[in-house]
Protein backbone atom coordinates (compact mmCIF):
# COMPACT_ATOMS: atom_id res chain seq x y z
CA UNK A 1 0.00 0.00 0.00
CA UNK A 2 1.23 3.51 -0.77
CA UNK A 3 2.43 5.58 2.18
CA UNK A 4 0.58 8.90 2.46
CA UNK A 5 1.72 11.98 4.38
CA UNK A 6 -0.27 15.19 4.78
CA UNK A 7 1.92 18.29 4.81
CA UNK A 8 2.39 20.10 8.11
CA UNK A 9 0.46 23.17 6.98
CA UNK A 10 -2.59 21.49 8.51
CA UNK A 11 -1.72 21.24 12.19
CA UNK A 12 -3.40 21.78 15.53
CA UNK A 13 -6.98 23.01 15.60
CA UNK A 14 -6.92 23.86 11.89
CA UNK A 15 -6.17 20.22 11.06
CA UNK A 16 -8.76 18.89 13.50
CA UNK A 17 -11.39 21.17 11.97
CA UNK A 18 -10.45 20.23 8.41
CA UNK A 19 -9.69 16.52 8.74
CA UNK A 20 -13.31 15.27 8.58
CA UNK A 21 -13.67 16.84 5.16
CA UNK A 22 -10.47 15.34 3.68
CA UNK A 23 -11.42 12.50 1.34
CA UNK A 24 -9.19 10.70 -1.11
CA UNK A 25 -10.38 8.06 -3.51
CA UNK A 26 -7.54 5.53 -3.48
CA UNK A 27 -9.62 2.72 -4.96
CA UNK A 28 -7.36 0.70 -7.26
CA UNK A 29 -4.44 2.88 -6.18
CA UNK A 30 -4.20 1.33 -2.68
CA UNK A 31 -0.72 0.05 -3.56
CA UNK A 32 2.52 1.52 -4.86
CA UNK A 33 1.55 3.44 -7.99
CA UNK A 34 3.32 3.44 -11.31
CA UNK A 35 3.71 6.69 -13.28
CA UNK A 36 0.39 6.47 -15.09
CA UNK A 37 -1.54 5.52 -11.96
CA UNK A 38 -0.03 8.38 -9.98
CA UNK A 39 -0.90 10.84 -12.73
CA UNK A 40 -4.49 9.58 -12.76
CA UNK A 41 -4.67 9.82 -8.96
CA UNK A 42 -3.53 13.46 -9.13
CA UNK A 43 -6.18 14.24 -11.75
CA UNK A 44 -8.84 12.85 -9.43
CA UNK A 45 -7.78 15.31 -6.71
CA UNK A 46 -7.01 18.53 -8.64
CA UNK A 47 -7.39 20.84 -5.62
CA UNK A 48 -4.39 19.32 -3.87
CA UNK A 49 -0.71 19.47 -4.70
CA UNK A 50 0.51 15.88 -4.60
CA UNK A 51 4.08 14.64 -4.86
CA UNK A 52 5.78 11.25 -4.65
CA UNK A 53 9.27 10.60 -3.34
CA UNK A 54 11.76 8.22 -4.94
CA UNK A 55 10.54 5.35 -2.74
CA UNK A 56 6.92 5.75 -3.85
CA UNK A 57 5.63 7.48 -0.68
CA UNK A 58 2.98 10.12 -1.40
CA UNK A 59 2.91 13.57 0.17
CA UNK A 60 -0.33 15.55 -0.05
CA UNK A 61 -0.11 19.31 0.44
CA UNK A 62 -3.13 21.58 0.82
CA UNK A 63 -3.38 24.95 -0.96
CA UNK A 64 -1.08 27.68 0.35
CA UNK A 65 -2.32 30.53 2.48
CA UNK A 66 -3.23 33.79 0.76
CA UNK A 67 -0.04 35.57 1.82
CA UNK A 68 2.24 32.86 0.43
CA UNK A 69 0.13 32.72 -2.72
CA UNK A 70 0.49 36.48 -3.15
CA UNK A 71 4.27 36.31 -2.90
CA UNK A 72 4.45 33.34 -5.28
CA UNK A 73 2.29 35.21 -7.78
CA UNK A 74 4.70 38.16 -7.75
CA UNK A 75 7.70 35.91 -8.30
CA UNK A 76 6.04 34.02 -11.13
CA UNK A 77 4.85 37.23 -12.79
CA UNK A 78 8.31 38.77 -12.84
CA UNK A 79 9.90 35.56 -14.04
CA UNK A 80 7.29 35.02 -16.74
CA UNK A 81 8.10 38.44 -18.20
CA UNK A 82 11.77 37.49 -18.40
CA UNK A 83 11.00 34.09 -19.99
CA UNK A 84 8.87 35.74 -22.68
CA UNK A 85 11.58 38.26 -23.48
CA UNK A 86 14.55 35.87 -23.26
CA UNK A 87 13.13 32.99 -25.29
CA UNK A 88 15.76 30.39 -24.34
CA UNK A 89 13.51 28.15 -22.28
CA UNK A 90 10.08 27.33 -20.91
CA UNK A 91 8.69 28.39 -17.54
CA UNK A 92 6.28 26.39 -15.37
CA UNK A 93 4.13 27.17 -12.33
CA UNK A 94 3.48 25.14 -9.19
CA UNK A 95 0.83 22.77 -10.52
CA UNK A 96 3.31 21.27 -13.01
CA UNK A 97 4.71 17.84 -12.16
CA UNK A 98 8.04 16.41 -13.27
CA UNK A 99 9.35 12.85 -13.03
CA UNK A 100 12.93 13.20 -11.84
CA UNK A 101 15.64 10.71 -12.89
CA UNK A 102 15.49 9.10 -9.41
CA UNK A 103 11.78 8.36 -9.91
CA UNK A 104 10.38 11.07 -7.63
CA UNK A 105 7.47 13.18 -8.90
CA UNK A 106 7.94 16.80 -7.86
CA UNK A 107 6.12 20.10 -8.42
CA UNK A 108 8.37 23.10 -7.68
CA UNK A 109 6.72 26.44 -6.91
CA UNK A 110 8.40 27.75 -10.06
CA UNK A 111 10.64 26.06 -12.60
CA UNK A 112 12.38 26.62 -15.91
CA UNK A 113 13.68 24.21 -18.56
CA UNK A 114 16.10 25.02 -21.37
CA UNK A 115 14.52 24.92 -24.82
CA UNK A 116 16.93 22.21 -25.97
CA UNK A 117 15.94 19.99 -23.05
CA UNK A 118 12.22 20.63 -23.47
CA UNK A 119 12.28 20.08 -27.21
CA UNK A 120 13.93 16.69 -26.69
CA UNK A 121 10.88 15.45 -24.76
CA UNK A 122 8.40 13.72 -27.12
CA UNK A 123 5.08 15.63 -27.30
CA UNK A 124 3.12 12.65 -25.95
CA UNK A 125 5.27 12.59 -22.80
CA UNK A 126 4.65 16.29 -22.13
CA UNK A 127 0.97 15.59 -21.49
CA UNK A 128 1.71 13.96 -18.13
CA UNK A 129 4.73 14.41 -15.85
CA UNK A 130 7.62 15.29 -18.14
CA UNK A 131 10.56 12.90 -17.53
CA UNK A 132 13.18 15.46 -16.58
CA UNK A 133 14.49 17.66 -13.82
CA UNK A 134 14.08 21.39 -14.47
CA UNK A 135 17.28 23.39 -14.96
CA UNK A 136 16.08 26.06 -12.52
CA UNK A 137 13.76 25.57 -9.56
CA UNK A 138 12.28 27.81 -6.86
CA UNK A 139 10.59 26.81 -3.62
CA UNK A 140 9.01 29.46 -1.39
CA UNK A 141 8.65 28.57 2.26
CA UNK A 142 5.41 29.28 4.07
CA UNK A 143 5.33 29.75 7.86
CA UNK A 144 4.29 26.13 8.41
CA UNK A 145 6.61 24.46 5.91
CA UNK A 146 9.41 22.32 7.32
CA UNK A 147 12.71 23.96 6.40
CA UNK A 148 14.51 20.61 6.62
CA UNK A 149 12.10 19.00 4.15
CA UNK A 150 12.47 21.90 1.73
CA UNK A 151 16.26 21.76 1.97
CA UNK A 152 16.15 18.02 1.26
CA UNK A 153 13.95 18.69 -1.74
CA UNK A 154 16.35 21.34 -3.06
CA UNK A 155 19.28 18.93 -2.70
CA UNK A 156 17.24 16.33 -4.59
CA UNK A 157 16.73 18.73 -7.50
CA UNK A 158 20.46 19.43 -7.72
CA UNK A 159 21.33 15.73 -7.46
CA UNK A 160 18.95 15.04 -10.34
CA UNK A 161 20.33 17.64 -12.70
CA UNK A 162 19.13 21.12 -11.73
CA UNK A 163 21.72 23.81 -12.42
CA UNK A 164 20.38 26.46 -10.06
CA UNK A 165 17.88 26.48 -7.23
CA UNK A 166 16.47 29.11 -4.90
CA UNK A 167 14.83 28.36 -1.58
CA UNK A 168 13.16 31.62 -0.57
CA UNK A 169 12.18 32.07 3.08
CA UNK A 170 10.11 35.28 3.40
CA UNK A 171 9.66 34.85 7.17
CA UNK A 172 13.41 34.94 7.82
CA UNK A 173 14.12 37.18 4.80
CA UNK A 174 16.66 34.63 3.65
CA UNK A 175 17.53 33.00 0.33
CA UNK A 176 19.37 29.69 0.01
CA UNK A 177 21.10 29.28 -3.34
CA UNK A 178 21.81 25.77 -4.60
CA UNK A 179 24.28 24.90 -7.35
CA UNK A 180 25.92 21.64 -8.47
CA UNK A 181 29.18 20.74 -6.74
CA UNK A 182 29.05 23.77 -4.45
CA UNK A 183 28.17 24.63 -0.88
CA UNK A 184 24.76 26.18 -0.35
CA UNK A 185 25.04 29.97 -0.37
CA UNK A 186 22.85 31.79 2.17
CA UNK A 187 21.85 35.41 1.57
CA UNK A 188 20.59 37.32 4.60
CA UNK A 189 17.92 39.91 3.81
CA UNK A 190 19.11 40.52 0.24
CA UNK A 191 17.47 43.23 -1.86
CA UNK A 192 17.88 41.17 -5.03
CA UNK A 193 18.97 37.73 -6.21
CA UNK A 194 20.51 37.11 -9.62
CA UNK A 195 19.80 34.40 -12.16
CA UNK A 196 23.54 34.33 -12.87
CA UNK A 197 24.82 32.88 -16.15
CA UNK A 198 21.94 30.40 -16.46
CA UNK A 199 19.23 33.07 -16.49
CA UNK A 200 21.08 35.95 -18.11
CA UNK A 201 19.48 39.29 -17.38
CA UNK A 202 17.05 38.04 -14.74
CA UNK A 203 17.25 39.64 -11.32
CA UNK A 204 14.47 39.21 -8.77
CA UNK A 205 13.74 42.25 -6.61
CA UNK A 206 13.02 40.80 -3.18
CA UNK A 207 11.79 43.98 -1.48
CA UNK A 208 8.24 43.25 -2.63
CA UNK A 209 8.55 39.66 -1.43
CA UNK A 210 9.76 40.65 2.04
CA UNK A 211 6.94 43.23 2.51
Foldseek 3Di string as FASTA:
>chain_A
DAAEAEFQVCDDPNVVVCVVVDDADCDVVPDQDDQVSVQVSCVVVVQWQWKADLVRHIYIYGDDDPLLVVLLVVVVVQVVVLCVVVVQWDKDAQNAWAQFPSRIIHGARIFIAGPVVVVVFPPVCRVTHTHYQGQEGEHEDDPRGDPVVVVVVVVVSQVRHHAWYWYAYLVQLKIWIDGHPDDIDIDGNDQWDDPPPVSPPDIDGCPVVND
